[in-house]
Structures are given as structure tokens and as C-alpha cells.
């Protein structure tokens, strides 16, 4: 008996492609990480579910997209996300009618298309992978931020009285931003339920790592991989940018015939602004 709890369902509005492709053409539609990068239109239904053990490899792959070659034990981080499966969701494709949800031949490891969750990196500070995340944030700030932001990052990570939540909002390419709306609505509800049970999800600060790209000089517009995150920047207490060119596969970042520079934008918020951030990202999706 499966313990999966289906959440909101999101349908991609694209139309299906009827032409049959050759094997070589199909292979060329996917990058080295297995992300679909072709220009064929697809039709699919997705649903949010509580993370399960069978999602381990899919979650780890999504974490690799975000953290790239950083010194973070992504397997251990994936296990934490699964262990707190009452908080957050993974995005999976809806099963066809009649398909057995408990099919032992399909462990779902390759079927995780996205995830949205938050981890208390203060409460879990003694776990090795969280130590690595905290060290990474400190190092990135020291190497890329101004003095004010460096001081803030070091302050919030050194004061255990202030709990810090790490928001992870990740999905594969070509999954529309609209799917983030039900996922964050679900996360809001789950956090409310956890707080009523006195669980450690009251955050004084939130850290949000966004995938961004620069297309030219320093004055060029910053592009967000997850478009719904763009309006959140103005609400941040502090932010800084990190160039991850040396860690990313540049072949993945083509833009109008030119190469984009892959970056990460680290945002720090007051924890009390979480509901406002969710409202802003919903408005961004609805206005698109």
C-alpha cells in the first residue's frame, strides 16, 4: 500500500508532437544531465507528492543542478529531504489510468521533475552535509559579497538562537513556472501544520539560492532559471551573486547564439516574510 499523498495537479499547456523521431534525434533532445532541451512540444500532467525513498536519485540529481560541484554530500542532503517528507513536495508525472502506483518494476528514481522544500540548517547544524552547506554559504559570501553582507551571513549562521531555513526550489528545464504556485501553497500549509505541533520550522531568516544567467556585460539583465523568483530580489535583506562558470557545462547555456554565464544569486530574507514571498511569486506567474 503506497503512502504517497497526491497534491495539486499541474498540466503543461504545450501540445503533443505527433511526428515520430529517430533514436538519434531523441537522444539529441537531452543534455548530459538528462534534461530535455529539444524544441518539441510535449503534453504531460504533473502532481506534487510527499518525497519517498524511491525519489532519492531524482532528488539528488536536482540538487546537483543547484549545487553543481560544490563540496556538499548531495546524497545525505537528499536523505534529509526524504526524512522530513511532511514538509515539501516532489513533482512527478501523473500515472496513466490503471497503472499500479506500487509497481515494483518502476522505483520512480528517474521520474522526479522538481521539488520544493525548506530545511532548518540551524537545527540540523551538526549533520555533516548541513555543515558543508553552511560552510559553502559562508565561503561564497566571503568571496563574493560586500562587507555588510559578509557580516550578515556570518551573524545568522553563528547565532543558534536564530533559526535559518534553506529554501530549495528546483526543477528540470521546460517544466513551466506555473507549477510553483501549488507547490508553495502546499508548503505553506505544511509549515502551518508543523508549527501547530511545535516542530522547529519557525525561521528568523531564510536563505534562497536562485539559478541565474548573465548574457553580457555587468549592465545586462539577469535571467532567472525559475522566473517566479525574479520579484523576490527586492524583498531581500541582502543578496550577492556567484559566477559558477567553472562548475557548469557551458554547452547548456546558449542564448540567442551566444553563451550565457551561469550564476547563483543568494538571497537572504527575514523569516516572517515567507508568506509575502509566496504571494509575490504567485503574482509573477499569473502576470506572465
Protein backbone atom coordinates (compact mmCIF):
# COMPACT_ATOMS: atom_id res chain seq x y z
CA UNK A 1 0.00 0.00 0.00
CA UNK A 2 1.58 3.24 -1.07
CA UNK A 3 1.82 6.14 1.39
CA UNK A 4 2.11 8.72 -1.38
CA UNK A 5 -0.16 11.71 -0.92
CA UNK A 6 -1.06 13.32 -4.21
CA UNK A 7 -1.26 17.09 -4.08
CA UNK A 8 -2.13 19.70 -6.68
CA UNK A 9 -2.01 18.65 -10.32
CA UNK A 10 -0.44 20.88 -12.96
CA UNK A 11 -0.86 20.37 -16.69
CA UNK A 12 1.63 21.64 -19.24
CA UNK A 13 -0.29 23.65 -21.86
CA UNK A 14 2.01 22.61 -24.69
CA UNK A 15 0.59 20.40 -27.43
CA UNK A 16 1.95 16.93 -28.14
CA UNK A 17 4.23 16.30 -31.13
CA UNK A 18 2.82 13.64 -33.45
CA UNK A 19 5.89 13.08 -35.62
CA UNK A 20 7.98 10.05 -34.81
CA UNK A 21 11.63 10.83 -34.16
CA UNK A 22 14.58 8.60 -34.86
CA UNK A 23 16.60 7.27 -31.93
CA UNK A 24 19.48 9.65 -32.66
CA UNK A 25 17.12 12.64 -32.79
CA UNK A 26 15.59 11.71 -29.48
CA UNK A 27 18.99 11.40 -27.87
CA UNK A 28 19.98 14.88 -29.07
CA UNK A 29 16.98 16.36 -27.28
CA UNK A 30 18.54 15.67 -23.87
CA UNK A 31 21.64 17.16 -22.29
CA UNK A 32 24.27 15.27 -20.33
CA UNK A 33 22.21 15.52 -17.14
CA UNK A 34 19.13 14.05 -18.77
CA UNK A 35 17.26 17.36 -19.01
CA UNK A 36 15.05 17.82 -22.05
CA UNK A 37 16.46 20.65 -24.18
CA UNK A 38 14.78 19.97 -27.52
CA UNK A 39 12.20 22.19 -29.19
CA UNK A 40 9.42 19.60 -29.47
CA UNK A 41 6.21 20.45 -27.63
CA UNK A 42 5.13 17.93 -25.02
CA UNK A 43 1.90 17.27 -23.16
CA UNK A 44 2.08 15.97 -19.62
CA UNK A 45 0.23 16.05 -16.32
CA UNK A 46 2.22 16.51 -13.13
CA UNK A 47 1.42 16.17 -9.46
CA UNK A 48 3.08 17.05 -6.20
CA UNK A 49 3.79 14.21 -3.79
CA UNK A 50 5.48 13.75 -0.46
CA UNK A 51 9.11 12.68 -1.01
CA UNK A 52 9.76 8.95 -0.65
CA UNK A 53 12.76 6.65 -0.62
CA UNK A 54 12.24 5.83 -4.31
CA UNK A 55 12.77 9.52 -5.13
CA UNK A 56 16.33 9.53 -3.79
CA UNK A 57 18.19 9.53 -7.12
CA UNK A 58 15.84 12.07 -8.70
CA UNK A 59 16.18 14.43 -5.74
CA UNK A 60 19.96 14.04 -5.74
CA UNK A 61 20.06 14.88 -9.45
CA UNK A 62 18.05 18.07 -8.87
CA UNK A 63 20.37 19.04 -6.02
CA UNK A 64 23.31 18.57 -8.38
CA UNK A 65 21.74 21.10 -10.76
CA UNK A 66 21.70 23.64 -7.94
CA UNK A 67 24.96 22.93 -6.11
CA UNK A 68 26.97 21.71 -9.13
CA UNK A 69 30.46 20.66 -7.98
CA UNK A 70 30.30 22.24 -4.52
CA UNK A 71 31.65 20.19 -1.65
CA UNK A 72 28.24 19.10 -0.35
CA UNK A 73 27.18 15.50 0.24
CA UNK A 74 24.11 15.61 -2.00
CA UNK A 75 23.11 12.06 -1.15
CA UNK A 76 22.90 12.90 2.54
CA UNK A 77 21.03 16.11 1.74
CA UNK A 78 18.54 14.11 -0.34
CA UNK A 79 18.03 11.77 2.60
CA UNK A 80 17.20 14.72 4.85
CA UNK A 81 14.58 15.94 2.36
CA UNK A 82 13.03 12.46 2.31
CA UNK A 83 13.20 12.10 6.11
CA UNK A 84 11.14 15.27 6.57
CA UNK A 85 8.56 14.22 3.98
CA UNK A 86 5.80 16.04 5.85
CA UNK A 87 7.45 19.26 4.59
CA UNK A 88 7.82 19.87 0.88
CA UNK A 89 6.93 18.11 -2.35
CA UNK A 90 8.47 16.39 -5.32
CA UNK A 91 6.96 16.79 -8.79
CA UNK A 92 6.17 13.59 -10.65
CA UNK A 93 4.27 12.73 -13.78
CA UNK A 94 0.73 11.53 -13.22
CA UNK A 95 0.27 7.81 -13.71
CA UNK A 96 -1.89 6.54 -16.55
CA UNK A 97 -5.26 5.10 -15.62
CA UNK A 98 -4.85 1.53 -14.49
CA UNK A 99 -1.13 1.82 -13.80
CA UNK A 100 -0.20 0.37 -10.44
CA UNK A 101 1.27 3.01 -8.14
CA UNK A 102 3.20 0.27 -6.33
CA UNK A 103 4.76 -1.27 -9.44
CA UNK A 104 7.98 -2.86 -8.22
CA UNK A 105 9.50 -2.56 -11.69
CA UNK A 106 9.45 1.23 -11.51
CA UNK A 107 11.04 2.77 -8.45
CA UNK A 108 10.41 6.32 -9.71
CA UNK A 109 14.06 7.29 -9.33
CA UNK A 110 14.17 8.87 -12.76
CA UNK A 111 10.73 10.44 -12.52
CA UNK A 112 11.33 13.43 -10.23
CA UNK A 113 10.81 16.56 -12.30
CA UNK A 114 11.07 19.11 -9.48
CA UNK A 115 10.95 19.72 -5.75
CA UNK A 116 10.14 22.49 -3.32
CA UNK A 117 11.05 22.30 0.34
CA UNK A 118 12.78 24.06 3.24
CA UNK A 119 15.42 22.69 5.61
CA UNK A 120 16.26 24.04 9.04
CA UNK A 121 20.05 24.40 8.73
CA UNK A 122 20.34 25.62 12.32
CA UNK A 123 18.52 22.72 14.00
CA UNK A 124 20.45 20.26 11.81
CA UNK A 125 23.78 22.09 12.02
CA UNK A 126 25.60 19.04 13.44
CA UNK A 127 24.79 16.83 10.44
CA UNK A 128 27.77 16.65 8.11
CA UNK A 129 26.04 17.67 4.88
CA UNK A 130 24.44 20.68 6.62
CA UNK A 131 27.86 21.66 7.98
CA UNK A 132 29.02 21.61 4.36
CA UNK A 133 26.08 23.77 3.23
CA UNK A 134 26.73 26.29 6.00
CA UNK A 135 30.46 26.41 5.17
CA UNK A 136 29.59 26.84 1.48
CA UNK A 137 27.32 29.80 2.22
CA UNK A 138 29.98 31.41 4.40
CA UNK A 139 32.71 30.86 1.82
CA UNK A 140 30.60 32.16 -1.07
CA UNK A 141 29.72 35.28 0.91
CA UNK A 142 33.32 35.91 1.94
CA UNK A 143 34.47 35.55 -1.67
CA UNK A 144 31.67 37.42 -3.44
CA UNK A 145 29.71 39.72 -1.12
CA UNK A 146 30.44 43.17 0.25
CA UNK A 147 31.39 43.70 3.88
CA UNK A 148 27.82 44.32 5.06
CA UNK A 149 26.50 41.10 3.53
CA UNK A 150 29.51 39.11 4.74
CA UNK A 151 28.81 40.26 8.27
CA UNK A 152 25.12 39.36 7.99
CA UNK A 153 25.81 35.87 6.65
CA UNK A 154 28.36 35.17 9.37
CA UNK A 155 25.99 36.57 12.02
CA UNK A 156 22.94 34.50 11.11
CA UNK A 157 24.98 31.30 10.78
CA UNK A 158 26.83 31.75 14.06
CA UNK A 159 23.85 32.59 16.28
CA UNK A 160 21.94 29.40 17.06
CA UNK A 161 19.13 31.40 18.65
CA UNK A 162 18.12 32.50 15.15
CA UNK A 163 16.96 29.56 13.10
CA UNK A 164 17.78 29.71 9.39
CA UNK A 165 15.73 27.94 6.75
CA UNK A 166 17.25 26.93 3.40
CA UNK A 167 14.58 27.04 0.69
CA UNK A 168 15.13 24.67 -2.22
CA UNK A 169 13.02 25.32 -5.31
CA UNK A 170 14.37 23.24 -8.17
CA UNK A 171 13.03 21.59 -11.31
CA UNK A 172 14.22 20.35 -14.67
CA UNK A 173 14.25 22.53 -17.74
CA UNK A 174 10.97 23.19 -19.56
CA UNK A 175 8.71 22.50 -16.57
CA UNK A 176 6.58 25.67 -16.51
CA UNK A 177 6.79 28.19 -13.68
CA UNK A 178 3.06 27.75 -13.03
CA UNK A 179 3.79 24.52 -11.20
CA UNK A 180 5.49 26.52 -8.42
CA UNK A 181 2.17 28.02 -7.31
CA UNK A 182 0.54 24.83 -5.95
CA UNK A 183 3.88 23.61 -4.63
CA UNK A 184 4.42 26.72 -2.49
CA UNK A 185 0.76 26.76 -1.42
CA UNK A 186 1.24 23.21 -0.22
CA UNK A 187 4.48 24.16 1.54
CA UNK A 188 2.68 26.99 3.35
CA UNK A 189 0.02 24.59 4.61
CA UNK A 190 2.58 22.02 5.69
CA UNK A 191 4.60 24.59 7.62
CA UNK A 192 1.45 25.82 9.36
CA UNK A 193 0.62 22.26 10.45
CA UNK A 194 4.18 21.67 11.65
CA UNK A 195 4.17 24.86 13.70
CA UNK A 196 0.92 23.83 15.38
CA UNK A 197 2.76 20.72 16.51
CA UNK A 198 5.64 22.83 17.87
CA UNK A 199 8.05 21.49 15.27
CA UNK A 200 11.21 23.53 14.51
CA UNK A 201 10.04 25.47 11.48
CA UNK A 202 9.92 28.98 12.88
CA UNK A 203 12.62 30.80 10.95
CA UNK A 204 14.19 34.13 11.78
CA UNK A 205 15.96 34.09 8.40
CA UNK A 206 15.54 32.34 5.08
CA UNK A 207 18.27 31.64 2.54
CA UNK A 208 17.24 31.12 -1.08
CA UNK A 209 19.74 30.16 -3.79
CA UNK A 210 18.49 31.09 -7.27
CA UNK A 211 19.92 29.88 -10.56
CA UNK A 212 20.58 32.88 -12.79
CA UNK A 213 22.36 33.68 -16.05
CA UNK A 214 24.12 36.78 -17.33
CA UNK A 215 24.05 37.39 -21.06
CA UNK A 216 26.65 40.11 -21.48
CA UNK A 217 28.33 42.86 -19.53
CA UNK A 218 27.57 43.80 -15.94
CA UNK A 219 24.73 46.08 -17.03
CA UNK A 220 22.85 43.29 -18.84
CA UNK A 221 19.62 41.93 -17.42
CA UNK A 222 19.91 38.93 -15.14
CA UNK A 223 17.81 35.98 -16.29
CA UNK A 224 16.26 33.64 -13.73
CA UNK A 225 16.03 29.92 -14.44
CA UNK A 226 12.88 29.91 -12.30
CA UNK A 227 11.06 33.01 -13.48
CA UNK A 228 8.81 33.17 -10.40
CA UNK A 229 11.86 34.02 -8.25
CA UNK A 230 12.65 37.28 -10.05
CA UNK A 231 10.41 39.63 -7.97
CA UNK A 232 11.77 38.25 -4.71
CA UNK A 233 15.06 40.13 -5.03
CA UNK A 234 13.56 43.44 -3.94
CA UNK A 235 12.34 41.87 -0.69
CA UNK A 236 15.75 40.52 0.32
CA UNK A 237 17.65 41.82 3.32
CA UNK A 238 20.80 41.11 1.35
CA UNK A 239 21.96 39.33 -1.77
CA UNK A 240 25.11 38.51 -3.69
CA UNK A 241 26.00 36.85 -6.99
CA UNK A 242 28.35 33.95 -7.65
CA UNK A 243 29.82 33.08 -11.04
CA UNK A 244 29.73 29.28 -11.40
CA UNK A 245 31.14 29.09 -14.94
CA UNK A 246 33.95 26.77 -13.90
CA UNK A 247 31.50 24.29 -12.39
CA UNK A 248 28.78 24.30 -15.05
CA UNK A 249 28.59 22.80 -18.51
CA UNK A 250 28.69 25.84 -20.76
CA UNK A 251 27.07 23.89 -23.59
CA UNK A 252 23.82 24.06 -21.63
CA UNK A 253 23.69 27.83 -21.51
CA UNK A 254 23.22 29.04 -25.10
CA UNK A 255 21.19 32.21 -25.59
CA UNK A 256 20.36 33.76 -28.97
CA UNK A 257 23.50 32.33 -30.48
CA UNK A 258 25.76 33.39 -27.62
CA UNK A 259 26.88 31.78 -24.39
CA UNK A 260 25.34 32.81 -21.11
CA UNK A 261 27.33 32.99 -17.89
CA UNK A 262 25.76 30.65 -15.30
CA UNK A 263 25.49 32.21 -11.86
CA UNK A 264 23.87 31.77 -8.49
CA UNK A 265 22.13 34.62 -6.69
CA UNK A 266 21.99 34.06 -2.94
CA UNK A 267 19.08 35.87 -1.27
CA UNK A 268 18.60 36.37 2.47
CA UNK A 269 15.16 37.23 3.85
CA UNK A 270 13.52 37.81 7.20
CA UNK A 271 11.71 34.59 8.04
CA UNK A 272 8.48 36.48 8.71
CA UNK A 273 8.29 37.41 5.01
CA UNK A 274 7.74 33.89 3.74
CA UNK A 275 4.03 34.29 3.02
CA UNK A 276 4.73 37.58 1.25
CA UNK A 277 7.37 35.89 -0.91
CA UNK A 278 4.87 33.23 -1.89
CA UNK A 279 2.34 35.92 -2.80
CA UNK A 280 4.89 37.69 -4.99
CA UNK A 281 5.89 34.56 -6.89
CA UNK A 282 2.23 33.72 -7.47
CA UNK A 283 1.65 37.20 -8.87
CA UNK A 284 4.68 36.82 -11.13
CA UNK A 285 3.33 33.55 -12.52
CA UNK A 286 -0.18 34.93 -13.01
CA UNK A 287 1.10 38.01 -14.83
CA UNK A 288 3.26 36.05 -17.26
